[in-house]
Amino acid sequence: MRALWLAPLVPLVPLVPLLAAAPIPQGVQRTVTVERRLGLMGTELEVSVEAANRAVALDASEEAVRALEAAEGRLSTWRDDSELERLNRTPVDRPLQLSPRLFQELRGVQHWWRETGGAFDPGIGALIAAWGLRTGGRVPTAEERERARAAGGLAALELAADGRAVRRRPGLRIEEGGWGKGAGLDAAIEALRADGHATAAVLNLGGQVAVYDGRGQGMGWTLTVADPRDRRRPAVALTFSSGSVATSGNSEHGFERAGVRYGHLLDPATGAPARDFGSLTVWAPEALAADCLSKLYVRGPDAALAWARAHTGGEVLTLEPVAGGGLRARASAGWRGRLEALVPELVVEFESRANEGA
């Protein structure tokens, strides 16, 4: 089992090293691990790559980094020359030919928008502007909020089979903040797989983690999720062997006005910040899916867990502070046997799948 430590950028626990040493089975070639840390996609990237020797591990890590740099160049709406920003500026009803990669990513984004019933909706750039989330924060009037909510939404994006995209409303602006990390991590894992020389890898991009098992032997990693009341304190340990884990919460980002705290996660259905109930952690086979599904946070813990009961391909964990200093963990059925409480006041409850009854 490999211990996985996460950067202090979302409600996950900051510990080092990324990959702890694990016993090497007899007959298996010894490997070395290279660790790198750099700024990328507006956050911090930690890469840990295991390979036959240092040179090979460095080369493989460079493949992953280049894939993430390409994702930043493709998706960042903080720069005028990205492909996604060109789409946001394309006139309404005028088709724009997309690169195959962006077309594939936006198809995935549309899929998870539908699967979450609109809880995940990156087409809310008008709402983000109304709340001033890129400029320090402001509180819009009810009329401003409703106009911004009605102006956009991913329903206004049309993707054609020939790889072209069309904006159907002038207010549609697609933000990458809710899915760009996941898309970049998927591209990096794909690059490692194509390179074929890494035996294992962990990528931590701003708190979202994706793992790669080059041997295909079902390696295990363990990560810790922080107490949403104190991000320096590990509350839960999770074990998984593939895929990606992402966490959403309102405890760190956001702004305050007139003594009122406003979170940065906006509910597309209301146009208002989501209720801060704690944190929501999602595992999924692909990083884009984990990133998108973590935005179920905006509908609250009950709705997120109900989604997990009714669907396969994603596991949900909520951490919710309760009265009297307690902490409640509710976990979907797939976390059974893969979750360990790390604090004495934590009460863990496991959900059932829809076909298992209450």
Protein backbone atom coordinates (compact mmCIF):
# COMPACT_ATOMS: atom_id res chain seq x y z
CA MET A 1 0.00 0.00 0.00
CA ARG A 2 1.27 3.46 -0.92
CA ALA A 3 0.54 6.48 1.20
CA LEU A 4 -0.59 9.48 -0.81
CA TRP A 5 -0.30 12.98 0.53
CA LEU A 6 -2.17 15.96 -0.81
CA ALA A 7 -1.40 19.67 -1.26
CA PRO A 8 -3.17 22.22 0.96
CA LEU A 9 -5.37 23.75 -1.74
CA VAL A 10 -8.79 22.20 -1.02
CA PRO A 11 -10.08 20.41 2.09
CA LEU A 12 -7.43 17.70 1.86
CA VAL A 13 -4.52 17.14 4.21
CA PRO A 14 -1.03 18.49 3.33
CA LEU A 15 1.60 15.84 4.04
CA VAL A 16 4.81 14.64 2.36
CA PRO A 17 6.16 12.69 0.56
CA LEU A 18 3.75 12.03 -2.29
CA LEU A 19 4.62 8.36 -2.57
CA ALA A 20 5.94 6.50 0.42
CA ALA A 21 8.39 3.69 -0.09
CA ALA A 22 6.74 0.29 -0.51
CA PRO A 23 8.33 -3.17 -0.32
CA ILE A 24 9.44 -4.47 -3.70
CA PRO A 25 8.24 -8.04 -4.34
CA GLN A 26 10.93 -10.62 -5.00
CA GLY A 27 11.75 -10.87 -8.68
CA VAL A 28 10.46 -7.38 -9.50
CA GLN A 29 13.01 -4.95 -10.91
CA ARG A 30 13.89 -2.13 -8.51
CA THR A 31 12.72 1.31 -9.49
CA VAL A 32 13.39 4.92 -8.57
CA THR A 33 10.89 7.71 -7.97
CA VAL A 34 11.26 11.28 -9.19
CA GLU A 35 9.22 14.04 -7.57
CA ARG A 36 8.61 17.48 -9.04
CA ARG A 37 6.64 20.53 -7.93
CA LEU A 38 5.78 23.49 -10.15
CA GLY A 39 3.13 26.11 -10.79
CA LEU A 40 0.64 25.22 -13.51
CA MET A 41 -2.97 25.98 -14.45
CA GLY A 42 -3.17 28.69 -11.81
CA THR A 43 -2.32 26.32 -8.98
CA GLU A 44 0.41 23.95 -7.81
CA LEU A 45 1.24 20.66 -9.49
CA GLU A 46 3.01 17.84 -7.68
CA VAL A 47 4.19 14.96 -9.85
CA SER A 48 5.66 11.71 -8.57
CA VAL A 49 6.79 9.20 -11.22
CA GLU A 50 8.30 5.77 -10.63
CA ALA A 51 10.36 4.11 -13.39
CA ALA A 52 13.35 1.84 -13.98
CA ASN A 53 15.88 4.66 -13.47
CA ARG A 54 16.03 8.38 -12.83
CA ALA A 55 16.47 9.44 -16.46
CA VAL A 56 13.46 7.42 -17.59
CA ALA A 57 11.35 8.72 -14.70
CA LEU A 58 12.30 12.32 -15.53
CA ASP A 59 11.42 11.84 -19.19
CA ALA A 60 8.05 10.33 -18.27
CA SER A 61 7.32 13.16 -15.85
CA GLU A 62 8.12 15.64 -18.61
CA GLU A 63 5.53 13.97 -20.85
CA ALA A 64 2.92 14.47 -18.14
CA VAL A 65 3.92 18.09 -17.57
CA ARG A 66 3.81 18.88 -21.29
CA ALA A 67 0.29 17.43 -21.51
CA LEU A 68 -0.82 19.66 -18.64
CA GLU A 69 0.86 22.71 -20.19
CA ALA A 70 -1.02 22.00 -23.40
CA ALA A 71 -4.26 21.73 -21.42
CA GLU A 72 -3.60 25.11 -19.85
CA GLY A 73 -2.98 26.64 -23.26
CA ARG A 74 -6.18 25.09 -24.54
CA LEU A 75 -8.52 25.76 -21.62
CA SER A 76 -7.42 28.81 -19.62
CA THR A 77 -9.95 31.63 -19.80
CA TRP A 78 -7.47 33.89 -18.02
CA ARG A 79 -5.64 34.35 -21.32
CA ASP A 80 -6.97 35.67 -24.61
CA ASP A 81 -5.25 33.16 -26.86
CA SER A 82 -6.65 29.89 -25.48
CA GLU A 83 -8.95 27.81 -27.62
CA LEU A 84 -11.74 27.88 -25.04
CA GLU A 85 -11.55 31.66 -24.77
CA ARG A 86 -11.80 31.91 -28.57
CA LEU A 87 -14.99 29.89 -28.34
CA ASN A 88 -16.34 32.21 -25.64
CA ARG A 89 -15.70 35.19 -27.94
CA THR A 90 -17.12 33.64 -31.09
CA PRO A 91 -20.31 35.43 -32.22
CA VAL A 92 -23.62 33.75 -31.52
CA ASP A 93 -24.73 31.21 -34.16
CA ARG A 94 -21.32 31.21 -35.87
CA PRO A 95 -19.76 27.68 -35.89
CA LEU A 96 -16.20 27.31 -34.66
CA GLN A 97 -14.12 24.28 -35.59
CA LEU A 98 -12.58 22.82 -32.44
CA SER A 99 -9.45 20.78 -31.99
CA PRO A 100 -10.21 17.08 -31.47
CA ARG A 101 -9.03 17.30 -27.87
CA LEU A 102 -11.23 20.26 -26.88
CA PHE A 103 -14.19 18.75 -28.73
CA GLN A 104 -13.75 15.52 -26.76
CA GLU A 105 -13.44 17.43 -23.48
CA LEU A 106 -16.55 19.51 -24.13
CA ARG A 107 -18.47 16.36 -25.05
CA GLY A 108 -17.48 14.99 -21.66
CA VAL A 109 -18.51 18.24 -19.98
CA GLN A 110 -21.92 18.06 -21.66
CA HIS A 111 -22.31 14.46 -20.53
CA TRP A 112 -21.71 15.28 -16.87
CA TRP A 113 -23.89 18.39 -17.07
CA ARG A 114 -26.74 16.13 -18.14
CA GLU A 115 -25.90 13.34 -15.68
CA THR A 116 -25.93 15.77 -12.74
CA GLY A 117 -29.17 17.40 -13.80
CA GLY A 118 -27.38 20.71 -14.24
CA ALA A 119 -25.76 20.79 -10.79
CA PHE A 120 -22.48 20.89 -12.71
CA ASP A 121 -22.80 23.68 -15.25
CA PRO A 122 -19.64 25.47 -16.41
CA GLY A 123 -21.63 27.76 -18.69
CA ILE A 124 -22.26 30.24 -15.86
CA GLY A 125 -19.61 32.81 -16.69
CA ALA A 126 -22.23 35.56 -16.53
CA LEU A 127 -23.07 34.56 -12.95
CA ILE A 128 -19.42 34.48 -11.95
CA ALA A 129 -19.05 38.01 -13.34
CA ALA A 130 -22.19 39.18 -11.53
CA TRP A 131 -20.75 37.95 -8.23
CA GLY A 132 -17.33 39.42 -9.07
CA LEU A 133 -15.58 36.16 -8.22
CA ARG A 134 -12.61 37.07 -10.42
CA THR A 135 -12.33 40.60 -9.04
CA GLY A 136 -12.58 40.23 -5.27
CA GLY A 137 -16.32 39.66 -4.94
CA ARG A 138 -19.52 41.69 -4.91
CA VAL A 139 -23.14 40.97 -4.00
CA PRO A 140 -25.44 41.42 -7.01
CA THR A 141 -29.02 42.56 -6.67
CA ALA A 142 -31.72 39.94 -7.10
CA GLU A 143 -32.45 41.33 -10.56
CA GLU A 144 -28.77 41.21 -11.59
CA ARG A 145 -28.46 37.66 -10.32
CA GLU A 146 -31.53 36.47 -12.20
CA ARG A 147 -30.47 38.15 -15.43
CA ALA A 148 -27.04 36.53 -15.21
CA ARG A 149 -28.53 33.14 -14.36
CA ALA A 150 -30.87 33.26 -17.34
CA ALA A 151 -28.23 34.60 -19.73
CA GLY A 152 -25.98 31.55 -19.88
CA GLY A 153 -25.97 27.88 -19.04
CA LEU A 154 -24.49 24.99 -20.97
CA ALA A 155 -27.82 24.40 -22.72
CA ALA A 156 -26.71 27.25 -25.00
CA LEU A 157 -23.73 25.25 -26.31
CA GLU A 158 -24.26 23.12 -29.38
CA LEU A 159 -21.69 20.56 -30.47
CA ALA A 160 -21.96 19.11 -33.97
CA ALA A 161 -20.76 15.68 -35.04
CA ASP A 162 -18.17 17.29 -37.34
CA GLY A 163 -16.33 18.82 -34.37
CA ARG A 164 -17.77 22.31 -34.57
CA ALA A 165 -19.24 24.28 -31.66
CA VAL A 166 -21.92 26.96 -31.72
CA ARG A 167 -22.91 29.41 -28.99
CA ARG A 168 -26.66 29.97 -29.06
CA ARG A 169 -26.85 32.75 -26.46
CA PRO A 170 -24.68 35.87 -26.15
CA GLY A 171 -24.48 35.38 -22.38
CA LEU A 172 -22.90 31.94 -22.63
CA ARG A 173 -19.40 31.95 -21.23
CA ILE A 174 -17.81 28.60 -20.40
CA GLU A 175 -15.59 28.61 -17.32
CA GLU A 176 -12.90 25.95 -16.95
CA GLY A 177 -12.63 26.24 -13.17
CA GLY A 178 -15.01 23.37 -12.49
CA TRP A 179 -13.49 20.85 -14.88
CA GLY A 180 -10.17 22.06 -16.30
CA LYS A 181 -8.01 20.32 -13.70
CA GLY A 182 -9.73 17.03 -14.39
CA ALA A 183 -9.33 17.40 -18.15
CA GLY A 184 -5.64 18.23 -17.73
CA LEU A 185 -5.03 15.27 -15.43
CA ASP A 186 -6.70 12.89 -17.89
CA ALA A 187 -4.44 14.22 -20.65
CA ALA A 188 -1.37 13.73 -18.43
CA ILE A 189 -2.32 10.14 -17.54
CA GLU A 190 -2.93 9.45 -21.23
CA ALA A 191 0.56 10.82 -21.99
CA LEU A 192 2.13 8.55 -19.36
CA ARG A 193 0.27 5.56 -20.78
CA ALA A 194 1.41 6.40 -24.32
CA ASP A 195 5.01 6.84 -23.16
CA GLY A 196 4.84 3.45 -21.48
CA HIS A 197 7.96 3.75 -19.31
CA ALA A 198 6.52 4.78 -15.94
CA THR A 199 5.68 1.93 -13.59
CA ALA A 200 3.56 4.18 -11.37
CA ALA A 201 2.68 7.84 -11.03
CA VAL A 202 0.70 10.23 -8.85
CA LEU A 203 -0.33 13.69 -10.02
CA ASN A 204 -1.76 16.20 -7.55
CA LEU A 205 -3.07 19.31 -9.29
CA GLY A 206 -4.37 21.85 -6.82
CA GLY A 207 -5.72 19.12 -4.55
CA GLN A 208 -7.24 16.86 -7.21
CA VAL A 209 -5.29 13.62 -7.48
CA ALA A 210 -4.99 11.12 -10.32
CA VAL A 211 -2.96 7.91 -10.18
CA TYR A 212 -1.40 5.69 -12.82
CA ASP A 213 -0.45 2.01 -12.45
CA GLY A 214 1.92 1.19 -15.29
CA ARG A 215 2.26 -2.43 -14.20
CA GLY A 216 -1.47 -3.06 -14.20
CA GLN A 217 -1.19 -5.00 -10.94
CA GLY A 218 -3.87 -3.19 -8.98
CA MET A 219 -1.58 -1.07 -6.82
CA GLY A 220 -3.19 0.65 -3.86
CA TRP A 221 -2.89 4.26 -2.74
CA THR A 222 -4.18 5.84 0.44
CA LEU A 223 -5.01 9.52 0.76
CA THR A 224 -6.33 11.54 3.65
CA VAL A 225 -9.19 14.04 3.54
CA ALA A 226 -9.11 16.96 5.93
CA ASP A 227 -11.59 17.92 8.58
CA PRO A 228 -13.54 20.77 6.87
CA ARG A 229 -13.33 22.71 10.16
CA ASP A 230 -9.53 22.52 10.22
CA ARG A 231 -7.75 21.73 6.98
CA ARG A 232 -4.53 20.89 8.79
CA ARG A 233 -6.22 17.95 10.52
CA PRO A 234 -6.72 14.61 8.71
CA ALA A 235 -10.19 13.18 9.31
CA VAL A 236 -10.58 10.25 6.92
CA ALA A 237 -8.22 7.93 5.05
CA LEU A 238 -9.42 6.63 1.67
CA THR A 239 -7.89 3.74 -0.28
CA PHE A 240 -8.21 3.35 -4.05
CA SER A 241 -6.30 1.63 -6.84
CA SER A 242 -7.07 3.71 -9.94
CA GLY A 243 -8.77 6.83 -11.18
CA SER A 244 -8.99 10.22 -9.55
CA VAL A 245 -10.24 11.88 -6.36
CA ALA A 246 -11.55 15.45 -6.19
CA THR A 247 -12.96 17.45 -3.28
CA SER A 248 -15.20 20.51 -3.28
CA GLY A 249 -15.91 22.81 -0.36
CA ASN A 250 -16.67 26.44 0.38
CA SER A 251 -14.42 26.80 3.41
CA GLU A 252 -11.43 28.44 1.73
CA HIS A 253 -12.38 30.48 -1.31
CA GLY A 254 -15.04 33.16 -1.49
CA PHE A 255 -15.38 36.61 0.07
CA GLU A 256 -17.02 38.52 2.91
CA ARG A 257 -19.26 41.58 2.74
CA ALA A 258 -20.95 43.33 5.67
CA GLY A 259 -20.09 40.44 7.95
CA VAL A 260 -21.61 37.81 5.67
CA ARG A 261 -19.49 35.06 4.12
CA TYR A 262 -20.21 34.14 0.48
CA GLY A 263 -18.79 30.94 -0.99
CA HIS A 264 -17.32 30.59 -4.48
CA LEU A 265 -19.43 27.59 -5.54
CA LEU A 266 -22.56 28.91 -7.25
CA ASP A 267 -25.72 26.86 -7.68
CA PRO A 268 -26.79 27.25 -11.33
CA ALA A 269 -30.42 26.63 -10.33
CA THR A 270 -30.62 29.63 -7.98
CA GLY A 271 -27.70 31.80 -9.06
CA ALA A 272 -26.61 32.02 -5.40
CA PRO A 273 -23.65 30.53 -3.53
CA ALA A 274 -24.21 26.99 -2.33
CA ARG A 275 -24.75 26.30 1.36
CA ASP A 276 -21.50 25.53 3.16
CA PHE A 277 -22.24 22.13 4.71
CA GLY A 278 -18.65 20.82 4.91
CA SER A 279 -16.90 19.01 2.09
CA LEU A 280 -17.75 16.60 -0.72
CA THR A 281 -15.16 14.13 -2.04
CA VAL A 282 -15.69 12.10 -5.20
CA TRP A 283 -13.77 9.19 -6.72
CA ALA A 284 -14.27 8.36 -10.39
CA PRO A 285 -12.37 6.27 -12.97
CA GLU A 286 -11.43 9.43 -14.90
CA ALA A 287 -10.29 12.78 -13.57
CA LEU A 288 -12.73 14.82 -15.65
CA ALA A 289 -15.62 12.85 -14.19
CA ALA A 290 -14.35 13.28 -10.62
CA ASP A 291 -13.88 17.02 -11.12
CA CYS A 292 -17.36 17.50 -12.60
CA LEU A 293 -19.12 15.26 -10.07
CA SER A 294 -17.57 17.05 -7.11
CA LYS A 295 -19.78 20.01 -8.11
CA LEU A 296 -22.76 18.03 -6.84
CA TYR A 297 -21.76 19.96 -3.72
CA VAL A 298 -24.05 22.79 -4.80
CA ARG A 299 -27.14 20.60 -4.30
CA GLY A 300 -26.16 19.57 -0.76
CA PRO A 301 -25.07 16.29 0.81
CA ASP A 302 -28.42 14.48 0.57
CA ALA A 303 -28.69 15.07 -3.18
CA ALA A 304 -25.06 14.12 -3.78
CA LEU A 305 -25.47 10.83 -1.93
CA ALA A 306 -28.76 10.15 -3.68
CA TRP A 307 -26.95 10.58 -6.99
CA ALA A 308 -24.35 8.01 -5.94
CA ARG A 309 -27.07 5.54 -4.89
CA ALA A 310 -28.66 5.77 -8.31
CA HIS A 311 -25.50 5.70 -10.46
CA THR A 312 -22.39 3.61 -10.97
CA GLY A 313 -18.94 4.92 -11.83
CA GLY A 314 -18.57 7.38 -8.98
CA GLU A 315 -18.23 7.22 -5.20
CA VAL A 316 -19.20 10.06 -2.87
CA LEU A 317 -18.08 10.99 0.64
CA THR A 318 -19.48 13.93 2.61
CA LEU A 319 -17.95 15.36 5.79
CA GLU A 320 -20.42 17.45 7.79
CA PRO A 321 -19.77 19.20 11.11
CA VAL A 322 -22.60 18.61 13.59
CA ALA A 323 -23.72 20.27 16.79
CA GLY A 324 -21.66 19.58 19.87
CA GLY A 325 -18.33 19.35 18.07
CA GLY A 326 -18.98 16.13 16.19
CA LEU A 327 -18.22 15.29 12.59
CA ARG A 328 -20.44 13.15 10.39
CA ALA A 329 -19.17 11.17 7.41
CA ARG A 330 -21.63 9.74 4.92
CA ALA A 331 -20.15 7.46 2.27
CA SER A 332 -21.59 5.73 -0.77
CA ALA A 333 -21.56 1.95 -0.80
CA GLY A 334 -18.37 1.62 -2.84
CA TRP A 335 -16.30 3.08 0.02
CA ARG A 336 -17.01 0.08 2.28
CA GLY A 337 -13.70 -1.48 3.30
CA ARG A 338 -11.77 1.46 1.82
CA LEU A 339 -12.43 4.15 4.43
CA GLU A 340 -10.87 4.66 7.85
CA ALA A 341 -11.84 7.27 10.44
CA LEU A 342 -8.82 9.17 11.79
CA VAL A 343 -10.48 11.31 14.48
CA PRO A 344 -12.42 9.99 17.48
CA GLU A 345 -15.49 12.22 17.05
CA LEU A 346 -16.12 11.07 13.46
CA VAL A 347 -19.28 9.01 12.94
CA VAL A 348 -19.27 7.09 9.64
CA GLU A 349 -22.47 6.06 7.88
CA PHE A 350 -22.50 3.99 4.68
CA GLU A 351 -25.20 4.33 2.06
CA SER A 352 -26.80 1.47 0.12
CA ARG A 353 -27.09 1.18 -3.62
CA ALA A 354 -30.58 1.86 -4.99
CA ASN A 355 -31.19 -1.84 -5.65
CA GLU A 356 -30.04 -2.86 -2.15
CA GLY A 357 -32.86 -1.15 -0.29
CA ALA A 358 -32.55 1.31 2.53
